[in-house]
Amino acid sequence: MQIEKIEKSFRMLSKTDFLEFKQAAMESTDSNMEYLYFGQFFDKANLVQMMNEYSFLLSDKTTDHYGLFEGRRLLGHVAITFGQGPLGVEIYGWVRKGFQNKGIGELGLNTASALAFNHKGFNYATLVINQNNMPSRAVAEKIGFKPAYLTKSSSSTNAQTFIVFYKYSPKIEQLSLRYKVDPLDIMNNPATRYGSTHYLLKSESVLEMYKWPLPPFVEEYSYLYEWLIMDYLGIVNLTPEDLDSMRPGVV
């Protein structure tokens, strides 16, 4: 008797996946407490709340939600959302309980990164991981995410510390080698957007404006509040309309 091999698939979640999503989420609340919101929400949500939450996931225009399936069984959920600047995305998600340490998280992150880079054209992807979550950190670094800085969720002395990781697209890696600059320093540089503007990466003033503002990551650093890079994020998020409004005489 031949056993049927069930292939894994990665696709956007749909309305018909609700019951499977609900079952996977309810099974995984305790193991997903690390993922900030999902574990805590699904631990106490009733059916109506879960239906409303799932409907919101599908209708959210700022985030694409994907499922990693084995047949109809949901093994993990991955979301791709807006990042810190217009050239980057943030990736987050969770793995169904019982499927940790089976390469599911690695596969999901790799697939989401490739989708963000190759199909959506983004320069980099961001992950935010609890500093004490060593398994997730190991997976992130294994597939090319690099730690950049530490931050805390609030000013509370009991707040947990997180590490912000970045992974660069092949385009940014190639430009880094071509122009002999650190990929971290050009990932938010608008000169990377189009081939016709790449030559601006030779400009010291352009490089300086979008240069990464923080020192190299060291595990022993005390945590850095998010506001310490707010000036930098303000620069990389400037739009032509913002610049026009700064001109003298413009009200």
C-alpha atoms as a PDB file:
ATOM      1  CA  MET A   1       0.000   0.000   0.000  1.00  0.00           C
ATOM      2  CA  GLN A   2       1.488   3.340  -1.070  1.00  0.00           C
ATOM      3  CA  ILE A   3       1.299   6.183   1.445  1.00  0.00           C
ATOM      4  CA  GLU A   4       0.238   9.501  -0.092  1.00  0.00           C
ATOM      5  CA  LYS A   5       2.790  12.244   0.355  1.00  0.00           C
ATOM      6  CA  ILE A   6       1.186  15.536   1.407  1.00  0.00           C
ATOM      7  CA  GLU A   7       3.029  18.599   0.089  1.00  0.00           C
ATOM      8  CA  LYS A   8       3.451  21.807   2.051  1.00  0.00           C
ATOM      9  CA  SER A   9       2.109  24.997   0.548  1.00  0.00           C
ATOM     10  CA  PHE A  10       2.480  28.690   1.390  1.00  0.00           C
ATOM     11  CA  ARG A  11      -0.479  30.878   0.449  1.00  0.00           C
ATOM     12  CA  MET A  12      -2.578  33.797   1.624  1.00  0.00           C
ATOM     13  CA  LEU A  13      -5.235  32.976   4.200  1.00  0.00           C
ATOM     14  CA  SER A  14      -8.843  32.956   2.984  1.00  0.00           C
ATOM     15  CA  LYS A  15     -12.302  32.943   4.545  1.00  0.00           C
ATOM     16  CA  THR A  16     -12.510  29.169   4.173  1.00  0.00           C
ATOM     17  CA  ASP A  17      -9.459  28.740   6.433  1.00  0.00           C
ATOM     18  CA  PHE A  18     -11.151  30.193   9.523  1.00  0.00           C
ATOM     19  CA  LEU A  19     -12.016  26.940  11.313  1.00  0.00           C
ATOM     20  CA  GLU A  20      -8.530  25.541  10.727  1.00  0.00           C
ATOM     21  CA  PHE A  21      -6.937  28.834  11.839  1.00  0.00           C
ATOM     22  CA  LYS A  22      -9.125  28.828  14.967  1.00  0.00           C
ATOM     23  CA  GLN A  23      -8.186  25.236  15.808  1.00  0.00           C
ATOM     24  CA  ALA A  24      -4.468  25.851  15.285  1.00  0.00           C
ATOM     25  CA  ALA A  25      -4.566  29.072  17.313  1.00  0.00           C
ATOM     26  CA  MET A  26      -6.484  27.525  20.229  1.00  0.00           C
ATOM     27  CA  GLU A  27      -4.032  24.638  20.364  1.00  0.00           C
ATOM     28  CA  SER A  28      -1.074  27.000  20.439  1.00  0.00           C
ATOM     29  CA  THR A  29      -1.938  29.776  22.897  1.00  0.00           C
ATOM     30  CA  ASP A  30       0.630  28.786  25.517  1.00  0.00           C
ATOM     31  CA  SER A  31       3.433  28.296  23.007  1.00  0.00           C
ATOM     32  CA  ASN A  32       2.654  31.586  21.258  1.00  0.00           C
ATOM     33  CA  MET A  33       2.805  33.898  24.256  1.00  0.00           C
ATOM     34  CA  GLU A  34       6.201  35.021  22.920  1.00  0.00           C
ATOM     35  CA  TYR A  35       4.482  36.449  19.869  1.00  0.00           C
ATOM     36  CA  LEU A  36       3.214  39.487  21.761  1.00  0.00           C
ATOM     37  CA  TYR A  37      -0.430  39.597  20.759  1.00  0.00           C
ATOM     38  CA  PHE A  38      -1.657  36.304  19.365  1.00  0.00           C
ATOM     39  CA  GLY A  39      -1.133  33.979  22.303  1.00  0.00           C
ATOM     40  CA  GLN A  40      -2.724  36.335  24.809  1.00  0.00           C
ATOM     41  CA  PHE A  41      -5.673  37.186  22.575  1.00  0.00           C
ATOM     42  CA  PHE A  42      -6.622  33.650  21.560  1.00  0.00           C
ATOM     43  CA  ASP A  43      -6.223  32.366  25.102  1.00  0.00           C
ATOM     44  CA  LYS A  44      -9.301  34.325  26.186  1.00  0.00           C
ATOM     45  CA  ALA A  45     -11.231  34.944  22.951  1.00  0.00           C
ATOM     46  CA  ASN A  46     -14.691  33.495  22.373  1.00  0.00           C
ATOM     47  CA  LEU A  47     -15.976  32.362  18.972  1.00  0.00           C
ATOM     48  CA  VAL A  48     -17.405  35.748  17.989  1.00  0.00           C
ATOM     49  CA  GLN A  49     -14.212  37.554  18.970  1.00  0.00           C
ATOM     50  CA  MET A  50     -12.141  35.098  16.979  1.00  0.00           C
ATOM     51  CA  MET A  51     -14.387  35.487  13.947  1.00  0.00           C
ATOM     52  CA  ASN A  52     -14.093  39.271  14.174  1.00  0.00           C
ATOM     53  CA  GLU A  53     -10.332  39.078  14.576  1.00  0.00           C
ATOM     54  CA  TYR A  54      -9.965  36.753  11.619  1.00  0.00           C
ATOM     55  CA  SER A  55     -12.154  38.995   9.459  1.00  0.00           C
ATOM     56  CA  PHE A  56      -9.945  41.918  10.417  1.00  0.00           C
ATOM     57  CA  LEU A  57      -6.823  39.974   9.416  1.00  0.00           C
ATOM     58  CA  LEU A  58      -8.239  39.326   5.965  1.00  0.00           C
ATOM     59  CA  SER A  59      -9.471  42.900   5.434  1.00  0.00           C
ATOM     60  CA  ASP A  60      -6.370  44.675   6.775  1.00  0.00           C
ATOM     61  CA  LYS A  61      -4.905  46.624   3.843  1.00  0.00           C
ATOM     62  CA  THR A  62      -1.586  47.210   5.626  1.00  0.00           C
ATOM     63  CA  THR A  63      -0.716  43.539   6.160  1.00  0.00           C
ATOM     64  CA  ASP A  64      -0.715  40.362   4.076  1.00  0.00           C
ATOM     65  CA  HIS A  65      -1.437  37.212   6.074  1.00  0.00           C
ATOM     66  CA  TYR A  66      -0.160  33.844   4.865  1.00  0.00           C
ATOM     67  CA  GLY A  67      -0.540  30.304   6.069  1.00  0.00           C
ATOM     68  CA  LEU A  68       1.939  27.455   5.788  1.00  0.00           C
ATOM     69  CA  PHE A  69      -0.197  24.386   5.120  1.00  0.00           C
ATOM     70  CA  GLU A  70       0.309  20.670   4.898  1.00  0.00           C
ATOM     71  CA  GLY A  71      -2.755  19.701   2.923  1.00  0.00           C
ATOM     72  CA  ARG A  72      -5.529  21.493   4.818  1.00  0.00           C
ATOM     73  CA  ARG A  73      -3.653  21.504   8.137  1.00  0.00           C
ATOM     74  CA  LEU A  74      -2.302  24.921   9.149  1.00  0.00           C
ATOM     75  CA  LEU A  75       1.255  24.576  10.474  1.00  0.00           C
ATOM     76  CA  GLY A  76       2.058  28.243  10.882  1.00  0.00           C
ATOM     77  CA  HIS A  77       0.924  31.796  10.229  1.00  0.00           C
ATOM     78  CA  VAL A  78       3.205  34.493   8.777  1.00  0.00           C
ATOM     79  CA  ALA A  79       2.357  38.160   8.264  1.00  0.00           C
ATOM     80  CA  ILE A  80       4.143  40.737   6.109  1.00  0.00           C
ATOM     81  CA  THR A  81       3.391  44.321   7.096  1.00  0.00           C
ATOM     82  CA  PHE A  82       4.753  47.821   6.630  1.00  0.00           C
ATOM     83  CA  GLY A  83       8.224  48.308   8.112  1.00  0.00           C
ATOM     84  CA  GLN A  84      10.029  51.249   9.654  1.00  0.00           C
ATOM     85  CA  GLY A  85      10.362  52.980   6.288  1.00  0.00           C
ATOM     86  CA  PRO A  86       8.876  52.772   2.784  1.00  0.00           C
ATOM     87  CA  LEU A  87      11.643  50.448   1.568  1.00  0.00           C
ATOM     88  CA  GLY A  88      11.234  47.768   4.248  1.00  0.00           C
ATOM     89  CA  VAL A  89       8.724  45.346   5.734  1.00  0.00           C
ATOM     90  CA  GLU A  90       8.272  43.682   9.111  1.00  0.00           C
ATOM     91  CA  ILE A  91       7.589  39.948   9.330  1.00  0.00           C
ATOM     92  CA  TYR A  92       5.931  38.218  12.277  1.00  0.00           C
ATOM     93  CA  GLY A  93       3.979  35.061  12.967  1.00  0.00           C
ATOM     94  CA  TRP A  94       3.686  31.864  14.965  1.00  0.00           C
ATOM     95  CA  VAL A  95       4.068  28.103  14.615  1.00  0.00           C
ATOM     96  CA  ARG A  96       1.386  25.594  15.619  1.00  0.00           C
ATOM     97  CA  LYS A  97       2.100  23.765  18.850  1.00  0.00           C
ATOM     98  CA  GLY A  98       3.722  20.417  18.157  1.00  0.00           C
ATOM     99  CA  PHE A  99       5.454  21.673  15.023  1.00  0.00           C
ATOM    100  CA  GLN A 100       8.198  23.730  16.651  1.00  0.00           C
ATOM    101  CA  ASN A 101      11.766  22.640  15.931  1.00  0.00           C
ATOM    102  CA  LYS A 102      10.686  21.026  12.675  1.00  0.00           C
ATOM    103  CA  GLY A 103      11.880  23.775  10.343  1.00  0.00           C
ATOM    104  CA  ILE A 104       8.391  25.307   9.974  1.00  0.00           C
ATOM    105  CA  GLY A 105       9.400  28.742  11.285  1.00  0.00           C
ATOM    106  CA  GLU A 106      12.531  28.732   9.148  1.00  0.00           C
ATOM    107  CA  LEU A 107      10.552  27.803   6.036  1.00  0.00           C
ATOM    108  CA  GLY A 108       7.915  30.444   6.733  1.00  0.00           C
ATOM    109  CA  LEU A 109      10.428  33.244   7.317  1.00  0.00           C
ATOM    110  CA  ASN A 110      12.493  32.281   4.280  1.00  0.00           C
ATOM    111  CA  THR A 111       9.437  32.169   2.045  1.00  0.00           C
ATOM    112  CA  ALA A 112       8.063  35.462   3.384  1.00  0.00           C
ATOM    113  CA  SER A 113      11.452  37.150   2.913  1.00  0.00           C
ATOM    114  CA  ALA A 114      11.749  35.909  -0.657  1.00  0.00           C
ATOM    115  CA  LEU A 115       8.218  37.136  -1.362  1.00  0.00           C
ATOM    116  CA  ALA A 116       8.985  40.573   0.083  1.00  0.00           C
ATOM    117  CA  PHE A 117      12.230  40.894  -1.899  1.00  0.00           C
ATOM    118  CA  ASN A 118      11.543  39.177  -5.214  1.00  0.00           C
ATOM    119  CA  HIS A 119       7.852  39.905  -5.757  1.00  0.00           C
ATOM    120  CA  LYS A 120       7.205  43.060  -3.733  1.00  0.00           C
ATOM    121  CA  GLY A 121      10.569  44.736  -4.357  1.00  0.00           C
ATOM    122  CA  PHE A 122      11.454  45.702  -0.784  1.00  0.00           C
ATOM    123  CA  ASN A 123      15.046  46.335   0.321  1.00  0.00           C
ATOM    124  CA  TYR A 124      14.945  44.638   3.721  1.00  0.00           C
ATOM    125  CA  ALA A 125      12.830  42.757   6.238  1.00  0.00           C
ATOM    126  CA  THR A 126      12.654  43.298   9.996  1.00  0.00           C
ATOM    127  CA  LEU A 127      12.096  40.828  12.826  1.00  0.00           C
ATOM    128  CA  VAL A 128      11.556  41.771  16.477  1.00  0.00           C
ATOM    129  CA  ILE A 129      12.475  38.919  18.828  1.00  0.00           C
ATOM    130  CA  ASN A 130      12.534  38.637  22.617  1.00  0.00           C
ATOM    131  CA  GLN A 131      16.157  38.775  23.726  1.00  0.00           C
ATOM    132  CA  ASN A 132      15.687  35.623  25.804  1.00  0.00           C
ATOM    133  CA  ASN A 133      14.078  33.637  22.976  1.00  0.00           C
ATOM    134  CA  MET A 134      17.240  31.838  21.919  1.00  0.00           C
ATOM    135  CA  PRO A 135      15.599  29.283  19.560  1.00  0.00           C
ATOM    136  CA  SER A 136      13.904  32.021  17.507  1.00  0.00           C
ATOM    137  CA  ARG A 137      17.093  34.066  17.473  1.00  0.00           C
ATOM    138  CA  ALA A 138      19.035  31.059  16.201  1.00  0.00           C
ATOM    139  CA  VAL A 139      16.533  30.497  13.392  1.00  0.00           C
ATOM    140  CA  ALA A 140      16.606  34.175  12.407  1.00  0.00           C
ATOM    141  CA  GLU A 141      20.398  34.282  12.216  1.00  0.00           C
ATOM    142  CA  LYS A 142      20.547  30.946  10.388  1.00  0.00           C
ATOM    143  CA  ILE A 143      18.528  32.363   7.496  1.00  0.00           C
ATOM    144  CA  GLY A 144      20.378  35.661   7.267  1.00  0.00           C
ATOM    145  CA  PHE A 145      18.782  38.074   9.731  1.00  0.00           C
ATOM    146  CA  LYS A 146      21.358  40.156  11.594  1.00  0.00           C
ATOM    147  CA  PRO A 147      20.837  41.821  15.009  1.00  0.00           C
ATOM    148  CA  ALA A 148      20.930  45.632  14.903  1.00  0.00           C
ATOM    149  CA  TYR A 149      19.823  47.027  18.264  1.00  0.00           C
ATOM    150  CA  LEU A 150      18.015  46.352  21.535  1.00  0.00           C
ATOM    151  CA  THR A 151      14.761  47.987  22.585  1.00  0.00           C
ATOM    152  CA  LYS A 152      12.156  47.665  25.325  1.00  0.00           C
ATOM    153  CA  SER A 153       8.404  47.564  24.968  1.00  0.00           C
ATOM    154  CA  SER A 154       7.929  50.347  27.561  1.00  0.00           C
ATOM    155  CA  SER A 155       9.719  52.270  30.295  1.00  0.00           C
ATOM    156  CA  SER A 156       8.565  49.775  32.921  1.00  0.00           C
ATOM    157  CA  THR A 157      11.401  48.070  34.781  1.00  0.00           C
ATOM    158  CA  ASN A 158       9.602  44.767  34.180  1.00  0.00           C
ATOM    159  CA  ALA A 159       9.283  45.286  30.437  1.00  0.00           C
ATOM    160  CA  GLN A 160      10.965  42.697  28.264  1.00  0.00           C
ATOM    161  CA  THR A 161      13.898  43.506  26.019  1.00  0.00           C
ATOM    162  CA  PHE A 162      13.718  42.764  22.304  1.00  0.00           C
ATOM    163  CA  ILE A 163      16.288  42.572  19.535  1.00  0.00           C
ATOM    164  CA  VAL A 164      15.528  44.157  16.183  1.00  0.00           C
ATOM    165  CA  PHE A 165      16.939  42.076  13.310  1.00  0.00           C
ATOM    166  CA  TYR A 166      17.345  42.995   9.628  1.00  0.00           C
ATOM    167  CA  LYS A 167      17.716  40.879   6.525  1.00  0.00           C
ATOM    168  CA  TYR A 168      18.752  42.505   3.260  1.00  0.00           C
ATOM    169  CA  SER A 169      17.468  41.792  -0.229  1.00  0.00           C
ATOM    170  CA  PRO A 170      19.854  40.405  -2.870  1.00  0.00           C
ATOM    171  CA  LYS A 171      19.756  43.830  -4.553  1.00  0.00           C
ATOM    172  CA  ILE A 172      21.021  45.566  -1.402  1.00  0.00           C
ATOM    173  CA  GLU A 173      23.699  42.914  -0.895  1.00  0.00           C
ATOM    174  CA  GLN A 174      24.888  43.458  -4.492  1.00  0.00           C
ATOM    175  CA  LEU A 175      24.891  47.252  -4.161  1.00  0.00           C
ATOM    176  CA  SER A 176      26.784  46.923  -0.894  1.00  0.00           C
ATOM    177  CA  LEU A 177      29.569  45.028  -2.656  1.00  0.00           C
ATOM    178  CA  ARG A 178      29.530  47.254  -5.731  1.00  0.00           C
ATOM    179  CA  TYR A 179      29.802  50.545  -3.831  1.00  0.00           C
ATOM    180  CA  LYS A 180      31.771  49.168  -0.864  1.00  0.00           C
ATOM    181  CA  VAL A 181      29.266  50.277   1.765  1.00  0.00           C
ATOM    182  CA  ASP A 182      27.586  48.466   4.641  1.00  0.00           C
ATOM    183  CA  PRO A 183      24.109  47.201   3.622  1.00  0.00           C
ATOM    184  CA  LEU A 184      22.734  48.595   6.893  1.00  0.00           C
ATOM    185  CA  ASP A 185      23.796  52.073   5.733  1.00  0.00           C
ATOM    186  CA  ILE A 186      21.969  51.922   2.393  1.00  0.00           C
ATOM    187  CA  MET A 187      18.888  49.777   3.055  1.00  0.00           C
ATOM    188  CA  ASN A 188      16.764  52.928   3.544  1.00  0.00           C
ATOM    189  CA  ASN A 189      18.557  55.016   0.940  1.00  0.00           C
ATOM    190  CA  PRO A 190      16.149  56.088  -1.846  1.00  0.00           C
ATOM    191  CA  ALA A 191      19.064  55.958  -4.308  1.00  0.00           C
ATOM    192  CA  THR A 192      18.680  52.154  -4.196  1.00  0.00           C
ATOM    193  CA  ARG A 193      15.129  52.241  -5.553  1.00  0.00           C
ATOM    194  CA  TYR A 194      15.871  52.564  -9.273  1.00  0.00           C
ATOM    195  CA  GLY A 195      18.873  51.609 -11.349  1.00  0.00           C
ATOM    196  CA  SER A 196      19.075  55.132 -12.764  1.00  0.00           C
ATOM    197  CA  THR A 197      19.734  56.545  -9.286  1.00  0.00           C
ATOM    198  CA  HIS A 198      22.276  54.010  -8.022  1.00  0.00           C
ATOM    199  CA  TYR A 199      25.117  56.381  -8.951  1.00  0.00           C
ATOM    200  CA  LEU A 200      24.028  58.605  -6.030  1.00  0.00           C
ATOM    201  CA  LEU A 201      25.490  55.958  -3.727  1.00  0.00           C
ATOM    202  CA  LYS A 202      28.846  57.525  -4.637  1.00  0.00           C
ATOM    203  CA  SER A 203      27.748  60.806  -3.064  1.00  0.00           C
ATOM    204  CA  GLU A 204      29.129  61.317   0.454  1.00  0.00           C
ATOM    205  CA  SER A 205      26.300  63.693   1.350  1.00  0.00           C
ATOM    206  CA  VAL A 206      23.599  61.225   0.215  1.00  0.00           C
ATOM    207  CA  LEU A 207      25.288  58.381   2.073  1.00  0.00           C
ATOM    208  CA  GLU A 208      25.657  60.480   5.210  1.00  0.00           C
ATOM    209  CA  MET A 209      21.996  61.501   5.221  1.00  0.00           C
ATOM    210  CA  TYR A 210      20.719  57.916   5.258  1.00  0.00           C
ATOM    211  CA  LYS A 211      23.582  56.327   7.191  1.00  0.00           C
ATOM    212  CA  TRP A 212      22.561  53.987  10.025  1.00  0.00           C
ATOM    213  CA  PRO A 213      22.768  56.082  13.236  1.00  0.00           C
ATOM    214  CA  LEU A 214      23.567  53.445  15.864  1.00  0.00           C
ATOM    215  CA  PRO A 215      26.845  51.690  16.740  1.00  0.00           C
ATOM    216  CA  PRO A 216      27.421  48.012  15.833  1.00  0.00           C
ATOM    217  CA  PHE A 217      25.292  45.585  17.829  1.00  0.00           C
ATOM    218  CA  VAL A 218      26.835  44.183  20.991  1.00  0.00           C
ATOM    219  CA  GLU A 219      24.855  41.821  23.210  1.00  0.00           C
ATOM    220  CA  GLU A 220      26.032  43.511  26.406  1.00  0.00           C
ATOM    221  CA  TYR A 221      24.684  46.949  25.451  1.00  0.00           C
ATOM    222  CA  SER A 222      22.053  48.319  27.740  1.00  0.00           C
ATOM    223  CA  TYR A 223      18.769  48.477  25.872  1.00  0.00           C
ATOM    224  CA  LEU A 224      18.037  51.322  23.488  1.00  0.00           C
ATOM    225  CA  TYR A 225      14.675  53.022  23.501  1.00  0.00           C
ATOM    226  CA  GLU A 226      12.985  53.243  20.144  1.00  0.00           C
ATOM    227  CA  TRP A 227      12.992  57.047  20.302  1.00  0.00           C
ATOM    228  CA  LEU A 228      16.769  57.079  19.946  1.00  0.00           C
ATOM    229  CA  ILE A 229      16.364  56.297  16.247  1.00  0.00           C
ATOM    230  CA  MET A 230      13.216  58.359  15.705  1.00  0.00           C
ATOM    231  CA  ASP A 231      15.181  61.167  14.035  1.00  0.00           C
ATOM    232  CA  TYR A 232      16.599  58.631  11.596  1.00  0.00           C
ATOM    233  CA  LEU A 233      13.186  57.118  10.901  1.00  0.00           C
ATOM    234  CA  GLY A 234      11.819  60.608  10.388  1.00  0.00           C
ATOM    235  CA  ILE A 235      14.406  61.205   7.672  1.00  0.00           C
ATOM    236  CA  VAL A 236      13.818  57.923   5.842  1.00  0.00           C
ATOM    237  CA  ASN A 237      10.058  58.487   5.923  1.00  0.00           C
ATOM    238  CA  LEU A 238      10.185  61.988   4.429  1.00  0.00           C
ATOM    239  CA  THR A 239       8.027  62.421   1.326  1.00  0.00           C
ATOM    240  CA  PRO A 240       8.251  65.053  -1.427  1.00  0.00           C
ATOM    241  CA  GLU A 241       5.172  66.664   0.139  1.00  0.00           C
ATOM    242  CA  ASP A 242       6.989  66.907   3.473  1.00  0.00           C
ATOM    243  CA  LEU A 243       9.948  68.613   1.812  1.00  0.00           C
ATOM    244  CA  ASP A 244       7.671  71.056   0.007  1.00  0.00           C
ATOM    245  CA  SER A 245       6.041  72.023   3.294  1.00  0.00           C
ATOM    246  CA  MET A 246       9.459  72.896   4.744  1.00  0.00           C
ATOM    247  CA  ARG A 247      10.191  75.524   2.105  1.00  0.00           C
ATOM    248  CA  PRO A 248      10.271  79.131   3.332  1.00  0.00           C
ATOM    249  CA  GLY A 249       6.938  80.872   2.893  1.00  0.00           C
ATOM    250  CA  VAL A 250       4.913  77.644   2.746  1.00  0.00           C
ATOM    251  CA  VAL A 251       2.141  77.526   5.343  1.00  0.00           C
END
